[in-house]
PDB file of N, CA and C in Angstrom:
ATOM      1  N   MET A   1      96.570 117.367  90.867  1.00  0.00           N
ATOM      2  CA  MET A   1      95.854 116.480  91.751  1.00  0.00           C
ATOM      3  C   MET A   1      96.828 115.397  92.212  1.00  0.00           C
ATOM      4  N   LYS A   2      96.776 115.119  93.488  1.00  0.00           N
ATOM      5  CA  LYS A   2      97.556 114.009  94.039  1.00  0.00           C
ATOM      6  C   LYS A   2      96.698 113.372  95.121  1.00  0.00           C
ATOM      7  N   LYS A   3      96.500 112.073  95.028  1.00  0.00           N
ATOM      8  CA  LYS A   3      95.659 111.369  95.989  1.00  0.00           C
ATOM      9  C   LYS A   3      96.460 110.239  96.613  1.00  0.00           C
ATOM     10  N   LEU A   4      96.579 110.275  97.936  1.00  0.00           N
ATOM     11  CA  LEU A   4      97.266 109.209  98.670  1.00  0.00           C
ATOM     12  C   LEU A   4      96.398 107.963  98.659  1.00  0.00           C
ATOM     13  N   ILE A   5      96.997 106.854  98.257  1.00  0.00           N
ATOM     14  CA  ILE A   5      96.296 105.572  98.270  1.00  0.00           C
ATOM     15  C   ILE A   5      96.677 104.789  99.520  1.00  0.00           C
ATOM     16  N   GLN A   6      97.977 104.666  99.779  1.00  0.00           N
ATOM     17  CA  GLN A   6      98.402 103.944 100.974  1.00  0.00           C
ATOM     18  C   GLN A   6      99.860 104.257 101.304  1.00  0.00           C
ATOM     19  N   TYR A   7     100.136 104.249 102.605  1.00  0.00           N
ATOM     20  CA  TYR A   7     101.485 104.440 103.136  1.00  0.00           C
ATOM     21  C   TYR A   7     101.826 103.202 103.953  1.00  0.00           C
ATOM     22  N   GLY A   8     103.066 102.783 103.901  1.00  0.00           N
ATOM     23  CA  GLY A   8     103.477 101.644 104.718  1.00  0.00           C
ATOM     24  C   GLY A   8     104.967 101.680 104.988  1.00  0.00           C
ATOM     25  N   ARG A   9     105.386 100.787 105.852  1.00  0.00           N
ATOM     26  CA  ARG A   9     106.814 100.638 106.128  1.00  0.00           C
ATOM     27  C   ARG A   9     107.120  99.167 106.292  1.00  0.00           C
ATOM     28  N   ASP A  10     108.349  98.832 105.964  1.00  0.00           N
ATOM     29  CA  ASP A  10     108.700  97.420 106.059  1.00  0.00           C
ATOM     30  C   ASP A  10     108.875  97.012 107.525  1.00  0.00           C
ATOM     31  N   ASP A  11     108.948  95.718 107.749  1.00  0.00           N
ATOM     32  CA  ASP A  11     109.103  95.222 109.115  1.00  0.00           C
ATOM     33  C   ASP A  11     110.492  94.628 109.335  1.00  0.00           C
ATOM     34  N   HIS A  12     111.444  95.100 108.542  1.00  0.00           N
ATOM     35  CA  HIS A  12     112.820  94.637 108.696  1.00  0.00           C
ATOM     36  C   HIS A  12     113.339  95.098 110.055  1.00  0.00           C
ATOM     37  N   PRO A  13     114.004  94.232 110.811  1.00  0.00           N
ATOM     38  CA  PRO A  13     114.505  94.632 112.122  1.00  0.00           C
ATOM     39  C   PRO A  13     115.497  95.792 112.012  1.00  0.00           C
ATOM     40  N   ASP A  14     115.434  96.673 112.983  1.00  0.00           N
ATOM     41  CA  ASP A  14     116.361  97.803 113.027  1.00  0.00           C
ATOM     42  C   ASP A  14     117.645  97.341 113.708  1.00  0.00           C
ATOM     43  N   ALA A  15     118.630  96.985 112.894  1.00  0.00           N
ATOM     44  CA  ALA A  15     119.917  96.519 113.423  1.00  0.00           C
ATOM     45  C   ALA A  15     121.005  97.476 112.965  1.00  0.00           C
ATOM     46  N   GLU A  16     121.822  97.929 113.884  1.00  0.00           N
ATOM     47  CA  GLU A  16     122.855  98.905 113.557  1.00  0.00           C
ATOM     48  C   GLU A  16     123.867  98.378 112.547  1.00  0.00           C
ATOM     49  N   ASP A  17     124.148  97.102 112.570  1.00  0.00           N
ATOM     50  CA  ASP A  17     125.152  96.558 111.672  1.00  0.00           C
ATOM     51  C   ASP A  17     124.571  96.037 110.347  1.00  0.00           C
ATOM     52  N   SER A  18     123.280  96.234 110.140  1.00  0.00           N
ATOM     53  CA  SER A  18     122.636  95.731 108.937  1.00  0.00           C
ATOM     54  C   SER A  18     122.850  96.684 107.765  1.00  0.00           C
ATOM     55  N   ASP A  19     123.015  96.122 106.579  1.00  0.00           N
ATOM     56  CA  ASP A  19     123.114  96.954 105.383  1.00  0.00           C
ATOM     57  C   ASP A  19     121.742  97.131 104.732  1.00  0.00           C
ATOM     58  N   LYS A  20     120.710  96.671 105.406  1.00  0.00           N
ATOM     59  CA  LYS A  20     119.344  96.801 104.916  1.00  0.00           C
ATOM     60  C   LYS A  20     118.566  97.740 105.832  1.00  0.00           C
ATOM     61  N   ALA A  21     118.551  98.995 105.466  1.00  0.00           N
ATOM     62  CA  ALA A  21     117.866 100.004 106.277  1.00  0.00           C
ATOM     63  C   ALA A  21     116.356  99.808 106.209  1.00  0.00           C
ATOM     64  N   GLN A  22     115.670 100.162 107.296  1.00  0.00           N
ATOM     65  CA  GLN A  22     114.214 100.140 107.270  1.00  0.00           C
ATOM     66  C   GLN A  22     113.743 101.168 106.254  1.00  0.00           C
ATOM     67  N   SER A  23     112.660 100.848 105.580  1.00  0.00           N
ATOM     68  CA  SER A  23     112.182 101.753 104.543  1.00  0.00           C
ATOM     69  C   SER A  23     110.679 101.971 104.644  1.00  0.00           C
ATOM     70  N   THR A  24     110.238 103.021 103.968  1.00  0.00           N
ATOM     71  CA  THR A  24     108.823 103.332 103.867  1.00  0.00           C
ATOM     72  C   THR A  24     108.444 103.320 102.396  1.00  0.00           C
ATOM     73  N   TRP A  25     107.165 103.140 102.146  1.00  0.00           N
ATOM     74  CA  TRP A  25     106.651 103.209 100.780  1.00  0.00           C
ATOM     75  C   TRP A  25     105.327 103.952 100.778  1.00  0.00           C
ATOM     76  N   VAL A  26     105.094 104.654  99.691  1.00  0.00           N
ATOM     77  CA  VAL A  26     103.861 105.418  99.517  1.00  0.00           C
ATOM     78  C   VAL A  26     103.356 105.184  98.095  1.00  0.00           C
ATOM     79  N   VAL A  27     102.056 104.970  97.968  1.00  0.00           N
ATOM     80  CA  VAL A  27     101.427 104.860  96.662  1.00  0.00           C
ATOM     81  C   VAL A  27     100.439 106.012  96.522  1.00  0.00           C
ATOM     82  N   ASN A  28     100.602 106.799  95.454  1.00  0.00           N
ATOM     83  CA  ASN A  28      99.731 107.930  95.134  1.00  0.00           C
ATOM     84  C   ASN A  28      99.215 107.793  93.713  1.00  0.00           C
ATOM     85  N   ILE A  29      98.100 108.454  93.442  1.00  0.00           N
ATOM     86  CA  ILE A  29      97.657 108.706  92.077  1.00  0.00           C
ATOM     87  C   ILE A  29      97.959 110.169  91.815  1.00  0.00           C
ATOM     88  N   SER A  30      98.528 110.467  90.652  1.00  0.00           N
ATOM     89  CA  SER A  30      98.990 111.820  90.394  1.00  0.00           C
ATOM     90  C   SER A  30      98.786 112.209  88.935  1.00  0.00           C
ATOM     91  N   ASP A  31      98.470 113.482  88.716  1.00  0.00           N
ATOM     92  CA  ASP A  31      98.381 113.999  87.349  1.00  0.00           C
ATOM     93  C   ASP A  31      99.348 115.171  87.157  1.00  0.00           C
ATOM     94  N   ASP A  32     100.448 115.185  87.925  1.00  0.00           N
ATOM     95  CA  ASP A  32     101.369 116.322  87.889  1.00  0.00           C
ATOM     96  C   ASP A  32     102.566 116.109  86.956  1.00  0.00           C
ATOM     97  N   CYS A  33     102.415 115.245  85.946  1.00  0.00           N
ATOM     98  CA  CYS A  33     103.485 115.005  84.973  1.00  0.00           C
ATOM     99  C   CYS A  33     103.082 115.641  83.644  1.00  0.00           C
ATOM    100  N   PRO A  34     103.600 116.852  83.349  1.00  0.00           N
ATOM    101  CA  PRO A  34     103.180 117.529  82.123  1.00  0.00           C
ATOM    102  C   PRO A  34     103.579 116.795  80.842  1.00  0.00           C
ATOM    103  N   ASP A  35     104.596 115.959  80.885  1.00  0.00           N
ATOM    104  CA  ASP A  35     105.035 115.223  79.702  1.00  0.00           C
ATOM    105  C   ASP A  35     104.300 113.894  79.515  1.00  0.00           C
ATOM    106  N   CYS A  36     103.520 113.501  80.519  1.00  0.00           N
ATOM    107  CA  CYS A  36     102.776 112.239  80.443  1.00  0.00           C
ATOM    108  C   CYS A  36     101.393 112.510  79.844  1.00  0.00           C
ATOM    109  N   ALA A  37     100.909 111.570  79.094  1.00  0.00           N
ATOM    110  CA  ALA A  37      99.602 111.733  78.455  1.00  0.00           C
ATOM    111  C   ALA A  37      98.455 111.256  79.341  1.00  0.00           C
ATOM    112  N   ASP A  38      98.779 110.733  80.508  1.00  0.00           N
ATOM    113  CA  ASP A  38      97.737 110.155  81.345  1.00  0.00           C
ATOM    114  C   ASP A  38      98.075 110.329  82.823  1.00  0.00           C
ATOM    115  N   ILE A  39      97.132 109.942  83.663  1.00  0.00           N
ATOM    116  CA  ILE A  39      97.337 109.960  85.108  1.00  0.00           C
ATOM    117  C   ILE A  39      98.310 108.833  85.459  1.00  0.00           C
ATOM    118  N   ARG A  40      99.171 109.073  86.435  1.00  0.00           N
ATOM    119  CA  ARG A  40     100.198 108.106  86.810  1.00  0.00           C
ATOM    120  C   ARG A  40      99.990 107.600  88.229  1.00  0.00           C
ATOM    121  N   ILE A  41     100.541 106.438  88.474  1.00  0.00           N
ATOM    122  CA  ILE A  41     100.610 105.885  89.824  1.00  0.00           C
ATOM    123  C   ILE A  41     102.043 106.087  90.281  1.00  0.00           C
ATOM    124  N   ASP A  42     102.205 106.822  91.366  1.00  0.00           N
ATOM    125  CA  ASP A  42     103.532 107.099  91.910  1.00  0.00           C
ATOM    126  C   ASP A  42     103.821 106.124  93.039  1.00  0.00           C
ATOM    127  N   LEU A  43     104.968 105.481  92.959  1.00  0.00           N
ATOM    128  CA  LEU A  43     105.450 104.608  94.023  1.00  0.00           C
ATOM    129  C   LEU A  43     106.732 105.231  94.556  1.00  0.00           C
ATOM    130  N   THR A  44     106.715 105.622  95.822  1.00  0.00           N
ATOM    131  CA  THR A  44     107.878 106.254  96.448  1.00  0.00           C
ATOM    132  C   THR A  44     108.465 105.303  97.477  1.00  0.00           C
ATOM    133  N   LEU A  45     109.764 105.081  97.402  1.00  0.00           N
ATOM    134  CA  LEU A  45     110.493 104.267  98.375  1.00  0.00           C
ATOM    135  C   LEU A  45     111.543 105.153  99.020  1.00  0.00           C
ATOM    136  N   GLU A  46     111.559 105.184 100.366  1.00  0.00           N
ATOM    137  CA  GLU A  46     112.513 106.005 101.102  1.00  0.00           C
ATOM    138  C   GLU A  46     113.032 105.258 102.312  1.00  0.00           C
ATOM    139  N   GLU A  47     114.234 105.601 102.708  1.00  0.00           N
ATOM    140  CA  GLU A  47     114.770 105.087 103.962  1.00  0.00           C
ATOM    141  C   GLU A  47     114.001 105.743 105.101  1.00  0.00           C
ATOM    142  N   LEU A  48     113.613 104.963 106.091  1.00  0.00           N
ATOM    143  CA  LEU A  48     112.875 105.465 107.239  1.00  0.00           C
ATOM    144  C   LEU A  48     113.642 106.614 107.887  1.00  0.00           C
ATOM    145  N   GLY A  49     112.974 107.723 108.109  1.00  0.00           N
ATOM    146  CA  GLY A  49     113.602 108.878 108.744  1.00  0.00           C
ATOM    147  C   GLY A  49     114.338 109.799 107.793  1.00  0.00           C
ATOM    148  N   ARG A  50     114.292 109.522 106.487  1.00  0.00           N
ATOM    149  CA  ARG A  50     114.978 110.365 105.504  1.00  0.00           C
ATOM    150  C   ARG A  50     114.008 110.798 104.400  1.00  0.00           C
ATOM    151  N   PRO A  51     112.925 111.481 104.784  1.00  0.00           N
ATOM    152  CA  PRO A  51     111.968 111.911 103.765  1.00  0.00           C
ATOM    153  C   PRO A  51     112.621 112.858 102.765  1.00  0.00           C
ATOM    154  N   GLY A  52     112.221 112.715 101.527  1.00  0.00           N
ATOM    155  CA  GLY A  52     112.755 113.562 100.470  1.00  0.00           C
ATOM    156  C   GLY A  52     114.002 113.022  99.800  1.00  0.00           C
ATOM    157  N   TYR A  53     114.540 111.911 100.305  1.00  0.00           N
ATOM    158  CA  TYR A  53     115.758 111.334  99.729  1.00  0.00           C
ATOM    159  C   TYR A  53     115.504 109.997  99.050  1.00  0.00           C
ATOM    160  N   GLY A  54     114.251 109.711  98.792  1.00  0.00           N
ATOM    161  CA  GLY A  54     113.906 108.437  98.182  1.00  0.00           C
ATOM    162  C   GLY A  54     113.839 108.506  96.676  1.00  0.00           C
ATOM    163  N   GLN A  55     113.275 107.472  96.116  1.00  0.00           N
ATOM    164  CA  GLN A  55     113.116 107.358  94.670  1.00  0.00           C
ATOM    165  C   GLN A  55     111.633 107.257  94.356  1.00  0.00           C
ATOM    166  N   VAL A  56     111.181 107.990  93.339  1.00  0.00           N
ATOM    167  CA  VAL A  56     109.788 107.958  92.928  1.00  0.00           C
ATOM    168  C   VAL A  56     109.701 107.348  91.535  1.00  0.00           C
ATOM    169  N   ALA A  57     108.876 106.317  91.403  1.00  0.00           N
ATOM    170  CA  ALA A  57     108.583 105.728  90.096  1.00  0.00           C
ATOM    171  C   ALA A  57     107.218 106.246  89.663  1.00  0.00           C
ATOM    172  N   HIS A  58     107.151 106.869  88.484  1.00  0.00           N
ATOM    173  CA  HIS A  58     105.896 107.384  87.922  1.00  0.00           C
ATOM    174  C   HIS A  58     105.393 106.340  86.924  1.00  0.00           C
ATOM    175  N   LEU A  59     104.542 105.445  87.400  1.00  0.00           N
ATOM    176  CA  LEU A  59     104.137 104.282  86.607  1.00  0.00           C
ATOM    177  C   LEU A  59     102.861 104.538  85.809  1.00  0.00           C
ATOM    178  N   SER A  60     102.875 104.092  84.565  1.00  0.00           N
ATOM    179  CA  SER A  60     101.637 104.061  83.786  1.00  0.00           C
ATOM    180  C   SER A  60     100.772 102.927  84.350  1.00  0.00           C
ATOM    181  N   VAL A  61      99.542 102.861  83.882  1.00  0.00           N
ATOM    182  CA  VAL A  61      98.666 101.768  84.313  1.00  0.00           C
ATOM    183  C   VAL A  61      99.308 100.427  83.965  1.00  0.00           C
ATOM    184  N   GLU A  62      99.859 100.335  82.767  1.00  0.00           N
ATOM    185  CA  GLU A  62     100.488  99.084  82.336  1.00  0.00           C
ATOM    186  C   GLU A  62     101.710  98.763  83.197  1.00  0.00           C
ATOM    187  N   GLY A  63     102.508  99.758  83.536  1.00  0.00           N
ATOM    188  CA  GLY A  63     103.678  99.544  84.388  1.00  0.00           C
ATOM    189  C   GLY A  63     103.281  99.097  85.786  1.00  0.00           C
ATOM    190  N   ALA A  64     102.211  99.696  86.324  1.00  0.00           N
ATOM    191  CA  ALA A  64     101.725  99.309  87.653  1.00  0.00           C
ATOM    192  C   ALA A  64     101.175  97.886  87.637  1.00  0.00           C
ATOM    193  N   GLN A  65     100.536  97.511  86.551  1.00  0.00           N
ATOM    194  CA  GLN A  65     100.023  96.136  86.432  1.00  0.00           C
ATOM    195  C   GLN A  65     101.166  95.129  86.373  1.00  0.00           C
ATOM    196  N   ARG A  66     102.251  95.477  85.686  1.00  0.00           N
ATOM    197  CA  ARG A  66     103.415  94.590  85.640  1.00  0.00           C
ATOM    198  C   ARG A  66     104.039  94.439  87.017  1.00  0.00           C
ATOM    199  N   LEU A  67     104.117  95.541  87.764  1.00  0.00           N
ATOM    200  CA  LEU A  67     104.650  95.479  89.127  1.00  0.00           C
ATOM    201  C   LEU A  67     103.746  94.623  90.010  1.00  0.00           C
ATOM    202  N   ARG A  68     102.441  94.816  89.895  1.00  0.00           N
ATOM    203  CA  ARG A  68     101.489  94.011  90.666  1.00  0.00           C
ATOM    204  C   ARG A  68     101.651  92.530  90.348  1.00  0.00           C
ATOM    205  N   ALA A  69     101.827  92.193  89.069  1.00  0.00           N
ATOM    206  CA  ALA A  69     102.008  90.794  88.672  1.00  0.00           C
ATOM    207  C   ALA A  69     103.306  90.228  89.243  1.00  0.00           C
ATOM    208  N   ALA A  70     104.358  91.030  89.250  1.00  0.00           N
ATOM    209  CA  ALA A  70     105.639  90.566  89.808  1.00  0.00           C
ATOM    210  C   ALA A  70     105.522  90.309  91.306  1.00  0.00           C
ATOM    211  N   LEU A  71     104.817  91.190  92.019  1.00  0.00           N
ATOM    212  CA  LEU A  71     104.618  90.977  93.459  1.00  0.00           C
ATOM    213  C   LEU A  71     103.750  89.745  93.700  1.00  0.00           C
ATOM    214  N   ALA A  72     102.715  89.545  92.888  1.00  0.00           N
ATOM    215  CA  ALA A  72     101.875  88.362  93.021  1.00  0.00           C
ATOM    216  C   ALA A  72     102.667  87.092  92.773  1.00  0.00           C
ATOM    217  N   GLN A  73     103.561  87.132  91.781  1.00  0.00           N
ATOM    218  CA  GLN A  73     104.395  85.958  91.508  1.00  0.00           C
ATOM    219  C   GLN A  73     105.331  85.667  92.685  1.00  0.00           C
ATOM    220  N   ALA A  74     105.924  86.706  93.255  1.00  0.00           N
ATOM    221  CA  ALA A  74     106.808  86.513  94.409  1.00  0.00           C
ATOM    222  C   ALA A  74     106.034  85.931  95.592  1.00  0.00           C
ATOM    223  N   LEU A  75     104.827  86.431  95.842  1.00  0.00           N
ATOM    224  CA  LEU A  75     103.986  85.888  96.922  1.00  0.00           C
ATOM    225  C   LEU A  75     103.621  84.438  96.649  1.00  0.00           C
ATOM    226  N   SER A  76     103.336  84.124  95.418  1.00  0.00           N
ATOM    227  CA  SER A  76     103.000  82.755  95.048  1.00  0.00           C
ATOM    228  C   SER A  76     104.184  81.817  95.280  1.00  0.00           C
ATOM    229  N   GLU A  77     105.369  82.284  94.936  1.00  0.00           N
ATOM    230  CA  GLU A  77     106.571  81.471  95.138  1.00  0.00           C
ATOM    231  C   GLU A  77     106.802  81.182  96.620  1.00  0.00           C
ATOM    232  N   LEU A  78     106.363  82.093  97.485  1.00  0.00           N
ATOM    233  CA  LEU A  78     106.489  81.902  98.935  1.00  0.00           C
ATOM    234  C   LEU A  78     105.319  81.129  99.526  1.00  0.00           C
ATOM    235  N   GLY A  79     104.352  80.787  98.688  1.00  0.00           N
ATOM    236  CA  GLY A  79     103.202  80.032  99.168  1.00  0.00           C
ATOM    237  C   GLY A  79     102.119  80.918  99.749  1.00  0.00           C
ATOM    238  N   GLY A  80     102.219  82.212  99.542  1.00  0.00           N
ATOM    239  CA  GLY A  80     101.223  83.136 100.074  1.00  0.00           C
ATOM    240  C   GLY A  80     100.141  83.439  99.067  1.00  0.00           C
ATOM    241  N   PRO A  81      99.146  84.212  99.490  1.00  0.00           N
ATOM    242  CA  PRO A  81      98.088  84.581  98.561  1.00  0.00           C
ATOM    243  C   PRO A  81      98.599  85.568  97.530  1.00  0.00           C
ATOM    244  N   ASN A  82      98.032  85.537  96.378  1.00  0.00           N
ATOM    245  CA  ASN A  82      98.400  86.513  95.359  1.00  0.00           C
ATOM    246  C   ASN A  82      97.164  87.171  94.884  1.00  0.00           C
TER     247      ASN A  82
END
């Protein structure tokens, strides 16, 4: 089972001389890890236009909560909502 939760892409400007390529991200729920004891949250990060060459993090619920807390802290530091 794999369920797409959300797909997005960053809004970094596309500049030829930039070392920061535009990227995409995908969040899925997945149960395709035979060595895992539970369902995982997959976070995939890829360079825009290069599908299949990204990195996939297979996060436990606890790992996903830690990532969520880190993003909330970063948003808070910028004065945004968390």
